[in-house]
Structure formats: structure tokens, C-alpha cells
Amino acid sequence: MNADQRKQAIQKKGYTLKQVADALGKSLSTVSNVIHGRHVSSPIAKSLAAIVDQPVEVFFSDCESYLNPTSPSVVRGSAREAKVAELRQLIAAAS
């Protein structure tokens, strides 16, 4: 399913993207970016898929991030700091 099909599916359920964004407590641009695959957010994607009674993997079938659970995800805190340090070492070694 592509972005236009996702928007149409939500509209067929009787909702606008602005209503969805308000219900999620997110901005319209954030929800739109998730729908278009420009931003990855599993919680938002799950909510959008639930609105149209479809699994995330079907609703976002054109977005690799939701199809491949082993793809990189958001890393925070000390794990993020470790990844940044690792990248700095790799970049320094390549210079």
C-alpha cells in the first residue's frame, strides 16, 4: 500500500489526517511524514494501521522499516552514545 492508498483508507473510515493527529497528540506534519514513509514511528504506524483494521506490515507494505524487524531502530541513552563513539572511530580510521 502506498501513501495515497493509506490516506484514502483512513478517509474511507471517516477520519481526516488532522483528526488522527489530534487524537494521537502529534502534529499533522508528523503523521503525514509517517504516512509518506519520510519518518519512522512504530507507535504511530501501529495506530494508523489499527484505524483501518490492517496489520502494520500490510498497511505499510512499501516501507522496509515496518517489514524488517531487524532493521535499525531508534537508539537512546548510553546505547546511542556507544553507537556514536563507534561511528566516530570508523570515520577517524577512514580519514
PDB file of N, CA and C in Angstrom:
ATOM      1  N   MET A   1       0.851  -1.173   0.000  1.00  0.00           N
ATOM      2  CA  MET A   1       0.000   0.000   0.000  1.00  0.00           C
ATOM      3  C   MET A   1       0.895   1.233   0.000  1.00  0.00           C
ATOM      4  N   ASN A   2       0.591   2.198  -0.855  1.00  0.00           N
ATOM      5  CA  ASN A   2       1.397   3.413  -0.895  1.00  0.00           C
ATOM      6  C   ASN A   2       0.737   4.522  -0.062  1.00  0.00           C
ATOM      7  N   ALA A   3       1.383   5.670  -0.003  1.00  0.00           N
ATOM      8  CA  ALA A   3       0.912   6.770   0.851  1.00  0.00           C
ATOM      9  C   ALA A   3      -0.495   7.228   0.480  1.00  0.00           C
ATOM     10  N   ASP A   4      -0.764   7.360  -0.808  1.00  0.00           N
ATOM     11  CA  ASP A   4      -2.099   7.796  -1.223  1.00  0.00           C
ATOM     12  C   ASP A   4      -3.166   6.781  -0.821  1.00  0.00           C
ATOM     13  N   GLN A   5      -2.847   5.513  -0.955  1.00  0.00           N
ATOM     14  CA  GLN A   5      -3.790   4.465  -0.552  1.00  0.00           C
ATOM     15  C   GLN A   5      -4.012   4.473   0.959  1.00  0.00           C
ATOM     16  N   ARG A   6      -2.953   4.761   1.714  1.00  0.00           N
ATOM     17  CA  ARG A   6      -3.096   4.845   3.176  1.00  0.00           C
ATOM     18  C   ARG A   6      -4.022   5.994   3.553  1.00  0.00           C
ATOM     19  N   LYS A   7      -3.801   7.154   2.931  1.00  0.00           N
ATOM     20  CA  LYS A   7      -4.662   8.315   3.218  1.00  0.00           C
ATOM     21  C   LYS A   7      -6.113   8.020   2.847  1.00  0.00           C
ATOM     22  N   GLN A   8      -6.323   7.400   1.700  1.00  0.00           N
ATOM     23  CA  GLN A   8      -7.679   7.064   1.266  1.00  0.00           C
ATOM     24  C   GLN A   8      -8.344   6.074   2.220  1.00  0.00           C
ATOM     25  N   ALA A   9      -7.585   5.106   2.702  1.00  0.00           N
ATOM     26  CA  ALA A   9      -8.141   4.114   3.625  1.00  0.00           C
ATOM     27  C   ALA A   9      -8.599   4.771   4.921  1.00  0.00           C
ATOM     28  N   ILE A  10      -7.834   5.727   5.406  1.00  0.00           N
ATOM     29  CA  ILE A  10      -8.206   6.448   6.619  1.00  0.00           C
ATOM     30  C   ILE A  10      -9.448   7.314   6.353  1.00  0.00           C
ATOM     31  N   GLN A  11      -9.474   7.967   5.206  1.00  0.00           N
ATOM     32  CA  GLN A  11     -10.624   8.793   4.845  1.00  0.00           C
ATOM     33  C   GLN A  11     -11.884   7.951   4.689  1.00  0.00           C
ATOM     34  N   LYS A  12     -11.748   6.739   4.159  1.00  0.00           N
ATOM     35  CA  LYS A  12     -12.910   5.848   3.999  1.00  0.00           C
ATOM     36  C   LYS A  12     -13.496   5.455   5.356  1.00  0.00           C
ATOM     37  N   LYS A  13     -12.669   5.479   6.393  1.00  0.00           N
ATOM     38  CA  LYS A  13     -13.151   5.199   7.742  1.00  0.00           C
ATOM     39  C   LYS A  13     -13.825   6.425   8.358  1.00  0.00           C
ATOM     40  N   GLY A  14     -13.772   7.553   7.641  1.00  0.00           N
ATOM     41  CA  GLY A  14     -14.452   8.758   8.097  1.00  0.00           C
ATOM     42  C   GLY A  14     -13.598   9.725   8.893  1.00  0.00           C
ATOM     43  N   TYR A  15     -12.277   9.586   8.781  1.00  0.00           N
ATOM     44  CA  TYR A  15     -11.373  10.440   9.548  1.00  0.00           C
ATOM     45  C   TYR A  15     -10.476  11.250   8.627  1.00  0.00           C
ATOM     46  N   THR A  16     -10.126  12.445   9.075  1.00  0.00           N
ATOM     47  CA  THR A  16      -9.122  13.245   8.381  1.00  0.00           C
ATOM     48  C   THR A  16      -7.782  13.007   9.071  1.00  0.00           C
ATOM     49  N   LEU A  17      -6.709  13.329   8.377  1.00  0.00           N
ATOM     50  CA  LEU A  17      -5.389  13.177   8.994  1.00  0.00           C
ATOM     51  C   LEU A  17      -5.230  14.126  10.180  1.00  0.00           C
ATOM     52  N   LYS A  18      -5.855  15.278  10.105  1.00  0.00           N
ATOM     53  CA  LYS A  18      -5.794  16.231  11.211  1.00  0.00           C
ATOM     54  C   LYS A  18      -6.475  15.640  12.448  1.00  0.00           C
ATOM     55  N   GLN A  19      -7.610  14.980  12.258  1.00  0.00           N
ATOM     56  CA  GLN A  19      -8.288  14.333  13.390  1.00  0.00           C
ATOM     57  C   GLN A  19      -7.415  13.239  13.992  1.00  0.00           C
ATOM     58  N   VAL A  20      -6.777  12.468  13.118  1.00  0.00           N
ATOM     59  CA  VAL A  20      -5.888  11.404  13.594  1.00  0.00           C
ATOM     60  C   VAL A  20      -4.730  12.012  14.378  1.00  0.00           C
ATOM     61  N   ALA A  21      -4.124  13.064  13.829  1.00  0.00           N
ATOM     62  CA  ALA A  21      -3.007  13.723  14.503  1.00  0.00           C
ATOM     63  C   ALA A  21      -3.436  14.244  15.872  1.00  0.00           C
ATOM     64  N   ASP A  22      -4.599  14.881  15.933  1.00  0.00           N
ATOM     65  CA  ASP A  22      -5.102  15.392  17.210  1.00  0.00           C
ATOM     66  C   ASP A  22      -5.319  14.268  18.210  1.00  0.00           C
ATOM     67  N   ALA A  23      -5.891  13.157  17.749  1.00  0.00           N
ATOM     68  CA  ALA A  23      -6.152  12.019  18.637  1.00  0.00           C
ATOM     69  C   ALA A  23      -4.856  11.408  19.155  1.00  0.00           C
ATOM     70  N   LEU A  24      -3.801  11.438  18.332  1.00  0.00           N
ATOM     71  CA  LEU A  24      -2.505  10.888  18.738  1.00  0.00           C
ATOM     72  C   LEU A  24      -1.669  11.882  19.546  1.00  0.00           C
ATOM     73  N   GLY A  25      -2.111  13.146  19.566  1.00  0.00           N
ATOM     74  CA  GLY A  25      -1.321  14.162  20.247  1.00  0.00           C
ATOM     75  C   GLY A  25      -0.059  14.517  19.483  1.00  0.00           C
ATOM     76  N   LYS A  26      -0.124  14.374  18.163  1.00  0.00           N
ATOM     77  CA  LYS A  26       1.019  14.654  17.289  1.00  0.00           C
ATOM     78  C   LYS A  26       0.632  15.742  16.298  1.00  0.00           C
ATOM     79  N   SER A  27       1.610  16.316  15.648  1.00  0.00           N
ATOM     80  CA  SER A  27       1.314  17.323  14.636  1.00  0.00           C
ATOM     81  C   SER A  27       0.870  16.633  13.348  1.00  0.00           C
ATOM     82  N   LEU A  28       0.134  17.374  12.549  1.00  0.00           N
ATOM     83  CA  LEU A  28      -0.300  16.866  11.257  1.00  0.00           C
ATOM     84  C   LEU A  28       0.912  16.500  10.398  1.00  0.00           C
ATOM     85  N   SER A  29       1.952  17.333  10.455  1.00  0.00           N
ATOM     86  CA  SER A  29       3.135  17.053   9.637  1.00  0.00           C
ATOM     87  C   SER A  29       3.824  15.756  10.061  1.00  0.00           C
ATOM     88  N   THR A  30       3.841  15.454  11.359  1.00  0.00           N
ATOM     89  CA  THR A  30       4.444  14.206  11.827  1.00  0.00           C
ATOM     90  C   THR A  30       3.669  13.007  11.295  1.00  0.00           C
ATOM     91  N   VAL A  31       2.350  13.054  11.416  1.00  0.00           N
ATOM     92  CA  VAL A  31       1.520  11.953  10.926  1.00  0.00           C
ATOM     93  C   VAL A  31       1.671  11.819   9.409  1.00  0.00           C
ATOM     94  N   SER A  32       1.671  12.930   8.706  1.00  0.00           N
ATOM     95  CA  SER A  32       1.842  12.900   7.257  1.00  0.00           C
ATOM     96  C   SER A  32       3.195  12.311   6.870  1.00  0.00           C
ATOM     97  N   ASN A  33       4.236  12.676   7.595  1.00  0.00           N
ATOM     98  CA  ASN A  33       5.567  12.130   7.307  1.00  0.00           C
ATOM     99  C   ASN A  33       5.623  10.627   7.525  1.00  0.00           C
ATOM    100  N   VAL A  34       4.929  10.120   8.526  1.00  0.00           N
ATOM    101  CA  VAL A  34       4.877   8.677   8.739  1.00  0.00           C
ATOM    102  C   VAL A  34       4.116   8.014   7.589  1.00  0.00           C
ATOM    103  N   ILE A  35       2.991   8.571   7.219  1.00  0.00           N
ATOM    104  CA  ILE A  35       2.191   8.012   6.128  1.00  0.00           C
ATOM    105  C   ILE A  35       2.990   7.961   4.825  1.00  0.00           C
ATOM    106  N   HIS A  36       3.801   8.994   4.575  1.00  0.00           N
ATOM    107  CA  HIS A  36       4.591   9.049   3.343  1.00  0.00           C
ATOM    108  C   HIS A  36       5.929   8.315   3.452  1.00  0.00           C
ATOM    109  N   GLY A  37       6.223   7.750   4.615  1.00  0.00           N
ATOM    110  CA  GLY A  37       7.464   6.999   4.780  1.00  0.00           C
ATOM    111  C   GLY A  37       8.697   7.849   4.956  1.00  0.00           C
ATOM    112  N   ARG A  38       8.508   9.138   5.246  1.00  0.00           N
ATOM    113  CA  ARG A  38       9.654  10.035   5.465  1.00  0.00           C
ATOM    114  C   ARG A  38      10.121  10.017   6.914  1.00  0.00           C
ATOM    115  N   HIS A  39       9.291   9.486   7.779  1.00  0.00           N
ATOM    116  CA  HIS A  39       9.603   9.395   9.207  1.00  0.00           C
ATOM    117  C   HIS A  39       9.138   8.028   9.686  1.00  0.00           C
ATOM    118  N   VAL A  40       9.938   7.379  10.502  1.00  0.00           N
ATOM    119  CA  VAL A  40       9.580   6.064  11.030  1.00  0.00           C
ATOM    120  C   VAL A  40       9.152   6.208  12.483  1.00  0.00           C
ATOM    121  N   SER A  41       7.971   5.739  12.786  1.00  0.00           N
ATOM    122  CA  SER A  41       7.459   5.730  14.152  1.00  0.00           C
ATOM    123  C   SER A  41       6.548   4.526  14.306  1.00  0.00           C
ATOM    124  N   SER A  42       7.039   3.508  14.977  1.00  0.00           N
ATOM    125  CA  SER A  42       6.225   2.306  15.173  1.00  0.00           C
ATOM    126  C   SER A  42       4.923   2.587  15.910  1.00  0.00           C
ATOM    127  N   PRO A  43       4.932   3.406  16.975  1.00  0.00           N
ATOM    128  CA  PRO A  43       3.656   3.674  17.660  1.00  0.00           C
ATOM    129  C   PRO A  43       2.626   4.349  16.748  1.00  0.00           C
ATOM    130  N   ILE A  44       3.060   5.326  15.956  1.00  0.00           N
ATOM    131  CA  ILE A  44       2.133   5.998  15.051  1.00  0.00           C
ATOM    132  C   ILE A  44       1.686   5.039  13.960  1.00  0.00           C
ATOM    133  N   ALA A  45       2.614   4.275  13.407  1.00  0.00           N
ATOM    134  CA  ALA A  45       2.274   3.319  12.346  1.00  0.00           C
ATOM    135  C   ALA A  45       1.260   2.290  12.846  1.00  0.00           C
ATOM    136  N   LYS A  46       1.455   1.797  14.058  1.00  0.00           N
ATOM    137  CA  LYS A  46       0.513   0.823  14.629  1.00  0.00           C
ATOM    138  C   LYS A  46      -0.869   1.445  14.809  1.00  0.00           C
ATOM    139  N   SER A  47      -0.897   2.685  15.241  1.00  0.00           N
ATOM    140  CA  SER A  47      -2.181   3.374  15.424  1.00  0.00           C
ATOM    141  C   SER A  47      -2.891   3.580  14.089  1.00  0.00           C
ATOM    142  N   LEU A  48      -2.140   3.998  13.075  1.00  0.00           N
ATOM    143  CA  LEU A  48      -2.730   4.215  11.758  1.00  0.00           C
ATOM    144  C   LEU A  48      -3.278   2.905  11.182  1.00  0.00           C
ATOM    145  N   ALA A  49      -2.510   1.840  11.325  1.00  0.00           N
ATOM    146  CA  ALA A  49      -2.950   0.536  10.823  1.00  0.00           C
ATOM    147  C   ALA A  49      -4.196   0.059  11.568  1.00  0.00           C
ATOM    148  N   ALA A  50      -4.255   0.334  12.862  1.00  0.00           N
ATOM    149  CA  ALA A  50      -5.413  -0.076  13.663  1.00  0.00           C
ATOM    150  C   ALA A  50      -6.683   0.648  13.215  1.00  0.00           C
ATOM    151  N   ILE A  51      -6.546   1.891  12.797  1.00  0.00           N
ATOM    152  CA  ILE A  51      -7.699   2.663  12.343  1.00  0.00           C
ATOM    153  C   ILE A  51      -8.394   1.964  11.179  1.00  0.00           C
ATOM    154  N   VAL A  52      -7.608   1.359  10.312  1.00  0.00           N
ATOM    155  CA  VAL A  52      -8.171   0.714   9.121  1.00  0.00           C
ATOM    156  C   VAL A  52      -8.214  -0.809   9.253  1.00  0.00           C
ATOM    157  N   ASP A  53      -8.018  -1.300  10.461  1.00  0.00           N
ATOM    158  CA  ASP A  53      -8.106  -2.738  10.746  1.00  0.00           C
ATOM    159  C   ASP A  53      -7.181  -3.582   9.875  1.00  0.00           C
ATOM    160  N   GLN A  54      -5.940  -3.140   9.756  1.00  0.00           N
ATOM    161  CA  GLN A  54      -4.954  -3.889   8.985  1.00  0.00           C
ATOM    162  C   GLN A  54      -3.676  -4.036   9.795  1.00  0.00           C
ATOM    163  N   PRO A  55      -2.943  -5.118   9.573  1.00  0.00           N
ATOM    164  CA  PRO A  55      -1.632  -5.242  10.218  1.00  0.00           C
ATOM    165  C   PRO A  55      -0.686  -4.166   9.678  1.00  0.00           C
ATOM    166  N   VAL A  56       0.243  -3.748  10.497  1.00  0.00           N
ATOM    167  CA  VAL A  56       1.222  -2.734  10.083  1.00  0.00           C
ATOM    168  C   VAL A  56       1.943  -3.187   8.814  1.00  0.00           C
ATOM    169  N   GLU A  57       2.277  -4.472   8.740  1.00  0.00           N
ATOM    170  CA  GLU A  57       3.023  -4.993   7.598  1.00  0.00           C
ATOM    171  C   GLU A  57       2.237  -4.856   6.289  1.00  0.00           C
ATOM    172  N   VAL A  58       0.922  -4.857   6.363  1.00  0.00           N
ATOM    173  CA  VAL A  58       0.080  -4.682   5.174  1.00  0.00           C
ATOM    174  C   VAL A  58      -0.109  -3.197   4.882  1.00  0.00           C
ATOM    175  N   PHE A  59      -0.444  -2.445   5.917  1.00  0.00           N
ATOM    176  CA  PHE A  59      -0.707  -1.017   5.745  1.00  0.00           C
ATOM    177  C   PHE A  59       0.530  -0.278   5.260  1.00  0.00           C
ATOM    178  N   PHE A  60       1.712  -0.696   5.718  1.00  0.00           N
ATOM    179  CA  PHE A  60       2.974  -0.080   5.316  1.00  0.00           C
ATOM    180  C   PHE A  60       3.816  -1.067   4.503  1.00  0.00           C
ATOM    181  N   SER A  61       3.173  -1.776   3.581  1.00  0.00           N
ATOM    182  CA  SER A  61       3.860  -2.809   2.816  1.00  0.00           C
ATOM    183  C   SER A  61       4.980  -2.261   1.928  1.00  0.00           C
ATOM    184  N   ASP A  62       4.977  -0.966   1.659  1.00  0.00           N
ATOM    185  CA  ASP A  62       6.031  -0.368   0.837  1.00  0.00           C
ATOM    186  C   ASP A  62       7.136   0.280   1.674  1.00  0.00           C
ATOM    187  N   CYS A  63       7.089   0.111   2.978  1.00  0.00           N
ATOM    188  CA  CYS A  63       8.077   0.722   3.875  1.00  0.00           C
ATOM    189  C   CYS A  63       8.898  -0.371   4.565  1.00  0.00           C
ATOM    190  N   GLU A  64      10.119  -0.500   4.153  1.00  0.00           N
ATOM    191  CA  GLU A  64      11.003  -1.550   4.667  1.00  0.00           C
ATOM    192  C   GLU A  64      11.134  -1.517   6.187  1.00  0.00           C
ATOM    193  N   SER A  65      11.108  -0.342   6.765  1.00  0.00           N
ATOM    194  CA  SER A  65      11.295  -0.213   8.218  1.00  0.00           C
ATOM    195  C   SER A  65      10.252  -0.982   9.026  1.00  0.00           C
ATOM    196  N   TYR A  66       9.057  -1.112   8.466  1.00  0.00           N
ATOM    197  CA  TYR A  66       7.994  -1.824   9.184  1.00  0.00           C
ATOM    198  C   TYR A  66       7.911  -3.290   8.777  1.00  0.00           C
ATOM    199  N   LEU A  67       8.614  -3.659   7.722  1.00  0.00           N
ATOM    200  CA  LEU A  67       8.586  -5.042   7.247  1.00  0.00           C
ATOM    201  C   LEU A  67       9.703  -5.868   7.836  1.00  0.00           C
ATOM    202  N   ASN A  68      10.818  -5.237   8.129  1.00  0.00           N
ATOM    203  CA  ASN A  68      12.002  -5.929   8.594  1.00  0.00           C
ATOM    204  C   ASN A  68      12.281  -5.558  10.042  1.00  0.00           C
ATOM    205  N   PRO A  69      11.882  -6.399  10.982  1.00  0.00           N
ATOM    206  CA  PRO A  69      12.063  -6.052  12.390  1.00  0.00           C
ATOM    207  C   PRO A  69      13.514  -5.944  12.822  1.00  0.00           C
ATOM    208  N   THR A  70      14.444  -6.417  11.995  1.00  0.00           N
ATOM    209  CA  THR A  70      15.852  -6.327  12.365  1.00  0.00           C
ATOM    210  C   THR A  70      16.508  -5.064  11.826  1.00  0.00           C
ATOM    211  N   SER A  71      15.747  -4.241  11.086  1.00  0.00           N
ATOM    212  CA  SER A  71      16.333  -3.005  10.587  1.00  0.00           C
ATOM    213  C   SER A  71      16.604  -2.076  11.774  1.00  0.00           C
ATOM    214  N   PRO A  72      17.561  -1.168  11.622  1.00  0.00           N
ATOM    215  CA  PRO A  72      17.924  -0.293  12.742  1.00  0.00           C
ATOM    216  C   PRO A  72      16.717   0.485  13.270  1.00  0.00           C
ATOM    217  N   SER A  73      16.685   0.624  14.569  1.00  0.00           N
ATOM    218  CA  SER A  73      15.616   1.387  15.191  1.00  0.00           C
ATOM    219  C   SER A  73      16.230   2.533  15.988  1.00  0.00           C
ATOM    220  N   VAL A  74      15.397   3.295  16.604  1.00  0.00           N
ATOM    221  CA  VAL A  74      15.868   4.415  17.410  1.00  0.00           C
ATOM    222  C   VAL A  74      16.611   3.870  18.622  1.00  0.00           C
ATOM    223  N   VAL A  75      17.795   4.412  18.849  1.00  0.00           N
ATOM    224  CA  VAL A  75      18.618   4.009  19.985  1.00  0.00           C
ATOM    225  C   VAL A  75      18.813   5.239  20.853  1.00  0.00           C
ATOM    226  N   ARG A  76      18.583   5.081  22.139  1.00  0.00           N
ATOM    227  CA  ARG A  76      18.678   6.219  23.049  1.00  0.00           C
ATOM    228  C   ARG A  76      19.654   5.935  24.182  1.00  0.00           C
ATOM    229  N   GLY A  77      19.986   7.005  24.885  1.00  0.00           N
ATOM    230  CA  GLY A  77      20.793   6.892  26.096  1.00  0.00           C
ATOM    231  C   GLY A  77      22.202   6.401  25.833  1.00  0.00           C
ATOM    232  N   SER A  78      22.683   5.546  26.726  1.00  0.00           N
ATOM    233  CA  SER A  78      24.070   5.077  26.634  1.00  0.00           C
ATOM    234  C   SER A  78      24.296   4.224  25.393  1.00  0.00           C
ATOM    235  N   ALA A  79      23.264   3.515  24.935  1.00  0.00           N
ATOM    236  CA  ALA A  79      23.406   2.718  23.713  1.00  0.00           C
ATOM    237  C   ALA A  79      23.650   3.634  22.516  1.00  0.00           C
ATOM    238  N   ARG A  80      22.966   4.782  22.486  1.00  0.00           N
ATOM    239  CA  ARG A  80      23.166   5.747  21.410  1.00  0.00           C
ATOM    240  C   ARG A  80      24.572   6.327  21.485  1.00  0.00           C
ATOM    241  N   GLU A  81      25.002   6.676  22.674  1.00  0.00           N
ATOM    242  CA  GLU A  81      26.347   7.235  22.849  1.00  0.00           C
ATOM    243  C   GLU A  81      27.401   6.241  22.382  1.00  0.00           C
ATOM    244  N   ALA A  82      27.196   4.961  22.664  1.00  0.00           N
ATOM    245  CA  ALA A  82      28.137   3.929  22.227  1.00  0.00           C
ATOM    246  C   ALA A  82      28.169   3.838  20.703  1.00  0.00           C
ATOM    247  N   LYS A  83      27.013   3.934  20.067  1.00  0.00           N
ATOM    248  CA  LYS A  83      26.950   3.883  18.602  1.00  0.00           C
ATOM    249  C   LYS A  83      27.639   5.104  17.987  1.00  0.00           C
ATOM    250  N   VAL A  84      27.440   6.266  18.575  1.00  0.00           N
ATOM    251  CA  VAL A  84      28.085   7.483  18.074  1.00  0.00           C
ATOM    252  C   VAL A  84      29.598   7.357  18.214  1.00  0.00           C
ATOM    253  N   ALA A  85      30.064   6.858  19.346  1.00  0.00           N
ATOM    254  CA  ALA A  85      31.506   6.668  19.553  1.00  0.00           C
ATOM    255  C   ALA A  85      32.070   5.684  18.524  1.00  0.00           C
ATOM    256  N   GLU A  86      31.321   4.625  18.270  1.00  0.00           N
ATOM    257  CA  GLU A  86      31.733   3.634  17.268  1.00  0.00           C
ATOM    258  C   GLU A  86      31.856   4.276  15.885  1.00  0.00           C
ATOM    259  N   LEU A  87      30.873   5.097  15.531  1.00  0.00           N
ATOM    260  CA  LEU A  87      30.914   5.786  14.236  1.00  0.00           C
ATOM    261  C   LEU A  87      32.082   6.752  14.151  1.00  0.00           C
ATOM    262  N   ARG A  88      32.356   7.459  15.222  1.00  0.00           N
ATOM    263  CA  ARG A  88      33.491   8.405  15.230  1.00  0.00           C
ATOM    264  C   ARG A  88      34.809   7.667  14.964  1.00  0.00           C
ATOM    265  N   GLN A  89      34.946   6.483  15.567  1.00  0.00           N
ATOM    266  CA  GLN A  89      36.160   5.685  15.354  1.00  0.00           C
ATOM    267  C   GLN A  89      36.270   5.234  13.905  1.00  0.00           C
ATOM    268  N   LEU A  90      35.153   4.803  13.340  1.00  0.00           N
ATOM    269  CA  LEU A  90      35.151   4.377  11.944  1.00  0.00           C
ATOM    270  C   LEU A  90      35.494   5.523  10.996  1.00  0.00           C
ATOM    271  N   ILE A  91      34.923   6.676  11.273  1.00  0.00           N
ATOM    272  CA  ILE A  91      35.170   7.839  10.423  1.00  0.00           C
ATOM    273  C   ILE A  91      36.620   8.300  10.556  1.00  0.00           C
ATOM    274  N   ALA A  92      37.133   8.310  11.782  1.00  0.00           N
ATOM    275  CA  ALA A  92      38.507   8.717  12.015  1.00  0.00           C
ATOM    276  C   ALA A  92      39.477   7.759  11.317  1.00  0.00           C
ATOM    277  N   ALA A  93      39.173   6.471  11.351  1.00  0.00           N
ATOM    278  CA  ALA A  93      40.037   5.477  10.716  1.00  0.00           C
ATOM    279  C   ALA A  93      40.037   5.632   9.200  1.00  0.00           C
ATOM    280  N   ALA A  94      38.930   6.111   8.655  1.00  0.00           N
ATOM    281  CA  ALA A  94      38.821   6.282   7.200  1.00  0.00           C
ATOM    282  C   ALA A  94      39.484   7.566   6.723  1.00  0.00           C
ATOM    283  N   SER A  95      39.777   8.484   7.635  1.00  0.00           N
ATOM    284  CA  SER A  95      40.359   9.790   7.253  1.00  0.00           C
ATOM    285  C   SER A  95      41.830   9.718   7.035  1.00  0.00           C
TER     286      SER A  95
END
